[in-house]
Amino acid sequence: VYVYLLGQRPMKRGLPVQPGSIAQMVVGVCI
């Protein structure tokens, strides 16, 4: 959950979505 939320943080701030944050969210869900 922590890794997922860290990947989601830039999207909440209105920054453009990047592949790194998407990959981080996927890894967080897997963990």
PDB file of all heavy atoms in Angstrom:
ATOM      1  N   VAL A   1       0.838  -1.202   0.000  1.00  0.00           N
ATOM      2  CA  VAL A   1       0.000   0.000   0.000  1.00  0.00           C
ATOM      3  C   VAL A   1       0.873   1.251   0.000  1.00  0.00           C
ATOM      4  O   VAL A   1       0.599   2.219  -0.722  1.00  0.00           O
ATOM      5  CB  VAL A   1      -0.966  -0.018   1.199  1.00  0.00           C
ATOM      6  CG1 VAL A   1      -1.663   1.319   1.371  1.00  0.00           C
ATOM      7  CG2 VAL A   1      -1.981  -1.134   1.036  1.00  0.00           C
ATOM      8  N   TYR A   2       1.948   1.222   0.782  1.00  0.00           N
ATOM      9  CA  TYR A   2       2.849   2.376   0.846  1.00  0.00           C
ATOM     10  C   TYR A   2       3.493   2.641  -0.515  1.00  0.00           C
ATOM     11  O   TYR A   2       3.540   3.786  -0.976  1.00  0.00           O
ATOM     12  CB  TYR A   2       3.920   2.124   1.903  1.00  0.00           C
ATOM     13  CG  TYR A   2       4.937   3.228   2.030  1.00  0.00           C
ATOM     14  CD1 TYR A   2       4.608   4.425   2.641  1.00  0.00           C
ATOM     15  CD2 TYR A   2       6.228   3.075   1.528  1.00  0.00           C
ATOM     16  CE1 TYR A   2       5.531   5.446   2.759  1.00  0.00           C
ATOM     17  CE2 TYR A   2       7.154   4.095   1.636  1.00  0.00           C
ATOM     18  CZ  TYR A   2       6.804   5.270   2.247  1.00  0.00           C
ATOM     19  OH  TYR A   2       7.717   6.273   2.352  1.00  0.00           O
ATOM     20  N   VAL A   3       3.977   1.586  -1.169  1.00  0.00           N
ATOM     21  CA  VAL A   3       4.606   1.752  -2.484  1.00  0.00           C
ATOM     22  C   VAL A   3       3.578   2.253  -3.496  1.00  0.00           C
ATOM     23  O   VAL A   3       3.878   3.117  -4.331  1.00  0.00           O
ATOM     24  CB  VAL A   3       5.259   0.422  -2.942  1.00  0.00           C
ATOM     25  CG1 VAL A   3       5.703   0.488  -4.389  1.00  0.00           C
ATOM     26  CG2 VAL A   3       6.430   0.075  -2.047  1.00  0.00           C
ATOM     27  N   TYR A   4       2.358   1.742  -3.434  1.00  0.00           N
ATOM     28  CA  TYR A   4       1.302   2.181  -4.347  1.00  0.00           C
ATOM     29  C   TYR A   4       0.995   3.666  -4.152  1.00  0.00           C
ATOM     30  O   TYR A   4       0.872   4.424  -5.122  1.00  0.00           O
ATOM     31  CB  TYR A   4       0.042   1.354  -4.124  1.00  0.00           C
ATOM     32  CG  TYR A   4      -1.128   1.792  -4.967  1.00  0.00           C
ATOM     33  CD1 TYR A   4      -1.240   1.361  -6.282  1.00  0.00           C
ATOM     34  CD2 TYR A   4      -2.108   2.639  -4.456  1.00  0.00           C
ATOM     35  CE1 TYR A   4      -2.304   1.761  -7.062  1.00  0.00           C
ATOM     36  CE2 TYR A   4      -3.175   3.039  -5.231  1.00  0.00           C
ATOM     37  CZ  TYR A   4      -3.272   2.599  -6.533  1.00  0.00           C
ATOM     38  OH  TYR A   4      -4.319   3.002  -7.309  1.00  0.00           O
ATOM     39  N   LEU A   5       0.867   4.082  -2.891  1.00  0.00           N
ATOM     40  CA  LEU A   5       0.545   5.478  -2.631  1.00  0.00           C
ATOM     41  C   LEU A   5       1.673   6.424  -3.024  1.00  0.00           C
ATOM     42  O   LEU A   5       1.424   7.559  -3.453  1.00  0.00           O
ATOM     43  CB  LEU A   5       0.174   5.669  -1.162  1.00  0.00           C
ATOM     44  CG  LEU A   5      -1.154   5.034  -0.746  1.00  0.00           C
ATOM     45  CD1 LEU A   5      -1.368   5.188   0.750  1.00  0.00           C
ATOM     46  CD2 LEU A   5      -2.305   5.619  -1.532  1.00  0.00           C
ATOM     47  N   LEU A   6       2.928   5.965  -2.887  1.00  0.00           N
ATOM     48  CA  LEU A   6       4.046   6.799  -3.345  1.00  0.00           C
ATOM     49  C   LEU A   6       4.031   6.961  -4.862  1.00  0.00           C
ATOM     50  O   LEU A   6       4.402   8.012  -5.380  1.00  0.00           O
ATOM     51  CB  LEU A   6       5.378   6.199  -2.911  1.00  0.00           C
ATOM     52  CG  LEU A   6       5.778   6.429  -1.464  1.00  0.00           C
ATOM     53  CD1 LEU A   6       7.144   5.795  -1.200  1.00  0.00           C
ATOM     54  CD2 LEU A   6       5.833   7.897  -1.136  1.00  0.00           C
ATOM     55  N   GLY A   7       3.607   5.937  -5.583  1.00  0.00           N
ATOM     56  CA  GLY A   7       3.507   6.058  -7.036  1.00  0.00           C
ATOM     57  C   GLY A   7       2.350   6.926  -7.467  1.00  0.00           C
ATOM     58  O   GLY A   7       2.378   7.541  -8.531  1.00  0.00           O
ATOM     59  N   GLN A   8       1.324   6.986  -6.636  1.00  0.00           N
ATOM     60  CA  GLN A   8       0.136   7.769  -6.974  1.00  0.00           C
ATOM     61  C   GLN A   8       0.284   9.249  -6.604  1.00  0.00           C
ATOM     62  O   GLN A   8      -0.458  10.091  -7.106  1.00  0.00           O
ATOM     63  CB  GLN A   8      -1.068   7.169  -6.238  1.00  0.00           C
ATOM     64  CG  GLN A   8      -2.398   7.614  -6.757  1.00  0.00           C
ATOM     65  CD  GLN A   8      -3.528   6.977  -5.993  1.00  0.00           C
ATOM     66  OE1 GLN A   8      -3.376   6.585  -4.838  1.00  0.00           O
ATOM     67  NE2 GLN A   8      -4.680   6.873  -6.635  1.00  0.00           N
ATOM     68  N   ARG A   9       1.244   9.576  -5.778  1.00  0.00           N
ATOM     69  CA  ARG A   9       1.404  10.943  -5.290  1.00  0.00           C
ATOM     70  C   ARG A   9       1.579  11.984  -6.407  1.00  0.00           C
ATOM     71  O   ARG A   9       0.923  13.045  -6.362  1.00  0.00           O
ATOM     72  CB  ARG A   9       2.589  11.014  -4.319  1.00  0.00           C
ATOM     73  CG  ARG A   9       2.722  12.375  -3.662  1.00  0.00           C
ATOM     74  CD  ARG A   9       3.870  12.415  -2.703  1.00  0.00           C
ATOM     75  NE  ARG A   9       3.584  11.551  -1.555  1.00  0.00           N
ATOM     76  CZ  ARG A   9       4.466  11.260  -0.615  1.00  0.00           C
ATOM     77  NH1 ARG A   9       5.682  11.727  -0.696  1.00  0.00           N
ATOM     78  NH2 ARG A   9       4.136  10.495   0.393  1.00  0.00           N
ATOM     79  N   PRO A  10       2.429  11.740  -7.430  1.00  0.00           N
ATOM     80  CA  PRO A  10       2.549  12.766  -8.487  1.00  0.00           C
ATOM     81  C   PRO A  10       1.242  13.005  -9.243  1.00  0.00           C
ATOM     82  O   PRO A  10       0.974  14.127  -9.685  1.00  0.00           O
ATOM     83  CB  PRO A  10       3.609  12.197  -9.430  1.00  0.00           C
ATOM     84  CG  PRO A  10       4.362  11.202  -8.636  1.00  0.00           C
ATOM     85  CD  PRO A  10       3.407  10.678  -7.623  1.00  0.00           C
ATOM     86  N   MET A  11       0.411  11.981  -9.377  1.00  0.00           N
ATOM     87  CA  MET A  11      -0.863  12.166 -10.084  1.00  0.00           C
ATOM     88  C   MET A  11      -1.818  13.031  -9.270  1.00  0.00           C
ATOM     89  O   MET A  11      -2.592  13.803  -9.832  1.00  0.00           O
ATOM     90  CB  MET A  11      -1.502  10.807 -10.354  1.00  0.00           C
ATOM     91  CG  MET A  11      -0.778  10.012 -11.407  1.00  0.00           C
ATOM     92  SD  MET A  11      -1.659   8.502 -11.741  1.00  0.00           S
ATOM     93  CE  MET A  11      -0.361   7.340 -11.479  1.00  0.00           C
ATOM     94  N   LYS A  12      -1.788  12.880  -7.958  1.00  0.00           N
ATOM     95  CA  LYS A  12      -2.655  13.697  -7.108  1.00  0.00           C
ATOM     96  C   LYS A  12      -2.256  15.167  -7.156  1.00  0.00           C
ATOM     97  O   LYS A  12      -3.087  16.046  -6.951  1.00  0.00           O
ATOM     98  CB  LYS A  12      -2.605  13.203  -5.669  1.00  0.00           C
ATOM     99  CG  LYS A  12      -3.359  11.922  -5.455  1.00  0.00           C
ATOM    100  CD  LYS A  12      -3.378  11.561  -3.993  1.00  0.00           C
ATOM    101  CE  LYS A  12      -4.209  10.329  -3.745  1.00  0.00           C
ATOM    102  NZ  LYS A  12      -4.261   9.968  -2.326  1.00  0.00           N
ATOM    103  N   ARG A  13      -0.970  15.423  -7.398  1.00  0.00           N
ATOM    104  CA  ARG A  13      -0.480  16.806  -7.471  1.00  0.00           C
ATOM    105  C   ARG A  13      -0.735  17.441  -8.830  1.00  0.00           C
ATOM    106  O   ARG A  13      -0.426  18.606  -9.038  1.00  0.00           O
ATOM    107  CB  ARG A  13       1.014  16.847  -7.162  1.00  0.00           C
ATOM    108  CG  ARG A  13       1.319  16.494  -5.733  1.00  0.00           C
ATOM    109  CD  ARG A  13       2.776  16.597  -5.459  1.00  0.00           C
ATOM    110  NE  ARG A  13       3.053  16.253  -4.058  1.00  0.00           N
ATOM    111  CZ  ARG A  13       4.249  16.088  -3.573  1.00  0.00           C
ATOM    112  NH1 ARG A  13       5.312  16.237  -4.352  1.00  0.00           N
ATOM    113  NH2 ARG A  13       4.414  15.774  -2.312  1.00  0.00           N
ATOM    114  N   GLY A  14      -1.257  16.677  -9.780  1.00  0.00           N
ATOM    115  CA  GLY A  14      -1.577  17.216 -11.092  1.00  0.00           C
ATOM    116  C   GLY A  14      -0.430  17.141 -12.082  1.00  0.00           C
ATOM    117  O   GLY A  14      -0.508  17.740 -13.148  1.00  0.00           O
ATOM    118  N   LEU A  15       0.623  16.415 -11.750  1.00  0.00           N
ATOM    119  CA  LEU A  15       1.731  16.256 -12.683  1.00  0.00           C
ATOM    120  C   LEU A  15       1.355  15.233 -13.752  1.00  0.00           C
ATOM    121  O   LEU A  15       0.495  14.374 -13.527  1.00  0.00           O
ATOM    122  CB  LEU A  15       2.985  15.796 -11.932  1.00  0.00           C
ATOM    123  CG  LEU A  15       3.522  16.780 -10.885  1.00  0.00           C
ATOM    124  CD1 LEU A  15       4.659  16.141 -10.105  1.00  0.00           C
ATOM    125  CD2 LEU A  15       4.005  18.048 -11.560  1.00  0.00           C
ATOM    126  N   PRO A  16       1.984  15.320 -14.917  1.00  0.00           N
ATOM    127  CA  PRO A  16       1.659  14.352 -15.966  1.00  0.00           C
ATOM    128  C   PRO A  16       2.074  12.927 -15.549  1.00  0.00           C
ATOM    129  O   PRO A  16       3.041  12.731 -14.827  1.00  0.00           O
ATOM    130  CB  PRO A  16       2.472  14.818 -17.184  1.00  0.00           C
ATOM    131  CG  PRO A  16       3.510  15.712 -16.639  1.00  0.00           C
ATOM    132  CD  PRO A  16       2.973  16.291 -15.362  1.00  0.00           C
ATOM    133  N   VAL A  17       1.317  11.973 -16.036  1.00  0.00           N
ATOM    134  CA  VAL A  17       1.566  10.576 -15.693  1.00  0.00           C
ATOM    135  C   VAL A  17       2.809  10.096 -16.427  1.00  0.00           C
ATOM    136  O   VAL A  17       2.954  10.319 -17.629  1.00  0.00           O
ATOM    137  CB  VAL A  17       0.355   9.706 -16.075  1.00  0.00           C
ATOM    138  CG1 VAL A  17       0.621   8.254 -15.750  1.00  0.00           C
ATOM    139  CG2 VAL A  17      -0.890  10.195 -15.378  1.00  0.00           C
ATOM    140  N   GLN A  18       3.704   9.425 -15.689  1.00  0.00           N
ATOM    141  CA  GLN A  18       4.927   8.898 -16.284  1.00  0.00           C
ATOM    142  C   GLN A  18       4.948   7.385 -16.112  1.00  0.00           C
ATOM    143  O   GLN A  18       4.336   6.844 -15.190  1.00  0.00           O
ATOM    144  CB  GLN A  18       6.147   9.518 -15.618  1.00  0.00           C
ATOM    145  CG  GLN A  18       6.253  11.010 -15.870  1.00  0.00           C
ATOM    146  CD  GLN A  18       7.518  11.585 -15.277  1.00  0.00           C
ATOM    147  OE1 GLN A  18       8.248  10.914 -14.575  1.00  0.00           O
ATOM    148  NE2 GLN A  18       7.767  12.848 -15.564  1.00  0.00           N
ATOM    149  N   PRO A  19       5.656   6.687 -16.975  1.00  0.00           N
ATOM    150  CA  PRO A  19       5.711   5.222 -16.873  1.00  0.00           C
ATOM    151  C   PRO A  19       6.315   4.731 -15.558  1.00  0.00           C
ATOM    152  O   PRO A  19       5.947   3.667 -15.064  1.00  0.00           O
ATOM    153  CB  PRO A  19       6.589   4.804 -18.047  1.00  0.00           C
ATOM    154  CG  PRO A  19       6.554   5.937 -18.997  1.00  0.00           C
ATOM    155  CD  PRO A  19       6.332   7.169 -18.180  1.00  0.00           C
ATOM    156  N   GLY A  20       7.219   5.492 -14.990  1.00  0.00           N
ATOM    157  CA  GLY A  20       7.832   5.081 -13.729  1.00  0.00           C
ATOM    158  C   GLY A  20       6.838   5.016 -12.594  1.00  0.00           C
ATOM    159  O   GLY A  20       6.861   4.089 -11.767  1.00  0.00           O
ATOM    160  N   SER A  21       5.939   5.984 -12.532  1.00  0.00           N
ATOM    161  CA  SER A  21       4.947   5.974 -11.455  1.00  0.00           C
ATOM    162  C   SER A  21       3.916   4.872 -11.671  1.00  0.00           C
ATOM    163  O   SER A  21       3.445   4.254 -10.705  1.00  0.00           O
ATOM    164  CB  SER A  21       4.263   7.338 -11.346  1.00  0.00           C
ATOM    165  OG  SER A  21       3.614   7.664 -12.550  1.00  0.00           O
ATOM    166  N   ILE A  22       3.589   4.582 -12.925  1.00  0.00           N
ATOM    167  CA  ILE A  22       2.670   3.475 -13.220  1.00  0.00           C
ATOM    168  C   ILE A  22       3.309   2.153 -12.808  1.00  0.00           C
ATOM    169  O   ILE A  22       2.672   1.302 -12.181  1.00  0.00           O
ATOM    170  CB  ILE A  22       2.316   3.439 -14.716  1.00  0.00           C
ATOM    171  CG1 ILE A  22       1.658   4.735 -15.144  1.00  0.00           C
ATOM    172  CG2 ILE A  22       1.456   2.224 -15.041  1.00  0.00           C
ATOM    173  CD1 ILE A  22       0.246   4.906 -14.723  1.00  0.00           C
ATOM    174  N   ALA A  23       4.590   1.971 -13.137  1.00  0.00           N
ATOM    175  CA  ALA A  23       5.298   0.739 -12.761  1.00  0.00           C
ATOM    176  C   ALA A  23       5.384   0.604 -11.243  1.00  0.00           C
ATOM    177  O   ALA A  23       5.243  -0.493 -10.693  1.00  0.00           O
ATOM    178  CB  ALA A  23       6.695   0.726 -13.385  1.00  0.00           C
ATOM    179  N   GLN A  24       5.596   1.721 -10.559  1.00  0.00           N
ATOM    180  CA  GLN A  24       5.665   1.692  -9.103  1.00  0.00           C
ATOM    181  C   GLN A  24       4.323   1.286  -8.504  1.00  0.00           C
ATOM    182  O   GLN A  24       4.270   0.527  -7.535  1.00  0.00           O
ATOM    183  CB  GLN A  24       6.094   3.056  -8.585  1.00  0.00           C
ATOM    184  CG  GLN A  24       6.363   3.088  -7.103  1.00  0.00           C
ATOM    185  CD  GLN A  24       6.942   4.420  -6.666  1.00  0.00           C
ATOM    186  OE1 GLN A  24       7.115   5.340  -7.469  1.00  0.00           O
ATOM    187  NE2 GLN A  24       7.233   4.524  -5.388  1.00  0.00           N
ATOM    188  N   MET A  25       3.246   1.758  -9.075  1.00  0.00           N
ATOM    189  CA  MET A  25       1.929   1.376  -8.585  1.00  0.00           C
ATOM    190  C   MET A  25       1.663  -0.110  -8.825  1.00  0.00           C
ATOM    191  O   MET A  25       1.097  -0.792  -7.960  1.00  0.00           O
ATOM    192  CB  MET A  25       0.860   2.237  -9.258  1.00  0.00           C
ATOM    193  CG  MET A  25       0.883   3.682  -8.806  1.00  0.00           C
ATOM    194  SD  MET A  25      -0.165   4.770  -9.788  1.00  0.00           S
ATOM    195  CE  MET A  25      -1.742   4.022  -9.594  1.00  0.00           C
ATOM    196  N   VAL A  26       2.086  -0.626  -9.969  1.00  0.00           N
ATOM    197  CA  VAL A  26       1.894  -2.048 -10.267  1.00  0.00           C
ATOM    198  C   VAL A  26       2.692  -2.906  -9.286  1.00  0.00           C
ATOM    199  O   VAL A  26       2.196  -3.916  -8.774  1.00  0.00           O
ATOM    200  CB  VAL A  26       2.284  -2.348 -11.729  1.00  0.00           C
ATOM    201  CG1 VAL A  26       2.352  -3.839 -11.983  1.00  0.00           C
ATOM    202  CG2 VAL A  26       1.305  -1.692 -12.681  1.00  0.00           C
ATOM    203  N   VAL A  27       3.926  -2.516  -9.008  1.00  0.00           N
ATOM    204  CA  VAL A  27       4.749  -3.256  -8.045  1.00  0.00           C
ATOM    205  C   VAL A  27       4.106  -3.209  -6.665  1.00  0.00           C
ATOM    206  O   VAL A  27       4.086  -4.211  -5.934  1.00  0.00           O
ATOM    207  CB  VAL A  27       6.190  -2.700  -8.028  1.00  0.00           C
ATOM    208  CG1 VAL A  27       6.971  -3.246  -6.856  1.00  0.00           C
ATOM    209  CG2 VAL A  27       6.895  -3.022  -9.330  1.00  0.00           C
ATOM    210  N   GLY A  28       3.568  -2.075  -6.289  1.00  0.00           N
ATOM    211  CA  GLY A  28       2.898  -1.960  -5.003  1.00  0.00           C
ATOM    212  C   GLY A  28       1.693  -2.880  -4.888  1.00  0.00           C
ATOM    213  O   GLY A  28       1.478  -3.523  -3.857  1.00  0.00           O
ATOM    214  N   VAL A  29       0.914  -2.984  -5.955  1.00  0.00           N
ATOM    215  CA  VAL A  29      -0.234  -3.885  -5.953  1.00  0.00           C
ATOM    216  C   VAL A  29       0.229  -5.336  -5.849  1.00  0.00           C
ATOM    217  O   VAL A  29      -0.377  -6.141  -5.132  1.00  0.00           O
ATOM    218  CB  VAL A  29      -1.103  -3.656  -7.214  1.00  0.00           C
ATOM    219  CG1 VAL A  29      -2.122  -4.755  -7.394  1.00  0.00           C
ATOM    220  CG2 VAL A  29      -1.787  -2.308  -7.145  1.00  0.00           C
ATOM    221  N   CYS A  30       1.311  -5.681  -6.538  1.00  0.00           N
ATOM    222  CA  CYS A  30       1.834  -7.048  -6.485  1.00  0.00           C
ATOM    223  C   CYS A  30       2.310  -7.405  -5.074  1.00  0.00           C
ATOM    224  O   CYS A  30       2.054  -8.513  -4.585  1.00  0.00           O
ATOM    225  CB  CYS A  30       2.975  -7.220  -7.478  1.00  0.00           C
ATOM    226  SG  CYS A  30       2.455  -7.147  -9.192  1.00  0.00           S
ATOM    227  N   ILE A  31       2.996  -6.495  -4.431  1.00  0.00           N
ATOM    228  CA  ILE A  31       3.471  -6.749  -3.066  1.00  0.00           C
ATOM    229  C   ILE A  31       2.287  -6.918  -2.117  1.00  0.00           C
ATOM    230  O   ILE A  31       2.267  -7.809  -1.263  1.00  0.00           O
ATOM    231  CB  ILE A  31       4.407  -5.613  -2.592  1.00  0.00           C
ATOM    232  CG1 ILE A  31       5.694  -5.600  -3.420  1.00  0.00           C
ATOM    233  CG2 ILE A  31       4.743  -5.762  -1.118  1.00  0.00           C
ATOM    234  CD1 ILE A  31       6.562  -4.394  -3.168  1.00  0.00           C
TER     235      ILE A  31
END
